[in-house]
Amino acid sequence: MNFIEKIKCLLTFGQGVALPLPDISSETDPITLFEQWFDDAKKSGILLPESMSVSTCDQNGQPRSRMVLLKEYNADGFVFYTNYGSSKSQELEANNKISILFHWNVLQRQIRIEGEVSKTSAEQSKRYFHSRDRGSQIGAWASKQSTKLTSSDELKEREAYYKKKFAGLAEIPYPEFWGGWNVKPTYIEFWQGRASRLHDRICFEKHDNEWTHFKRHP
């Protein structure tokens, strides 16, 4: 977030600044359109426009959603990072189908993405891990994500333990139990709010590595 975006965020309490309704071409590549909308969200001053809901299903078919942060994206997919021992990672190991959702309310826009996941390479995960601040790197070691705490002090005690353990190291070791998931999209839907609830829903589906497009009723 640059200086101007920070000022907008401060002045609007993170709620952003409404932008004009966009012209959406049905011929547009969905990744290019995502980049345009994501850039609009960042420029508007919305707080953490990279926030997205990640939905998985457990072994009983129970859907579960949680908010994470998008860290990278390109034509090959959308990447977020987490503990590979977490509930969402275990669910993705058993069922690699996933749905993610971006919602930018003040812009009256949302993007829904469905697809399949695979783990990022160890090199990619390691590179991102070492780009994080030292506190976050220690936090990755300290948190046994999704497991039950044995006491209210357990997390603080684990944080203190790893701070002491890595105190003399210039670089904190990369934890192999932590890394990225890459969401390879097969369906992307762009929702643009319109008057009288006659919203635009521009949908892209991927077949044989080619995108096709259509519109849905709102």
Foldseek 3Di string as FASTA:
>chain_A
DDPQLQVLCVVVVQLFDADDDDDDDLPDDVVVVVVVVLVNLSNRNHDQQQKKWKWFAAPVRRIDIDIFGFDDDDLQFTKTKDFCQAPVNVRCVVPQWMKMKGDNPSHQKMKIFIAGKDFDDPVVFVVVLQVDDPLVNLLRQLDPHHDDDPDPCSSVVSSVVSCVVCVPPPGDDDDPRMGMMGGGTQKMWMWHADPPRQIWIWMWGADPNDIHIDTDGD
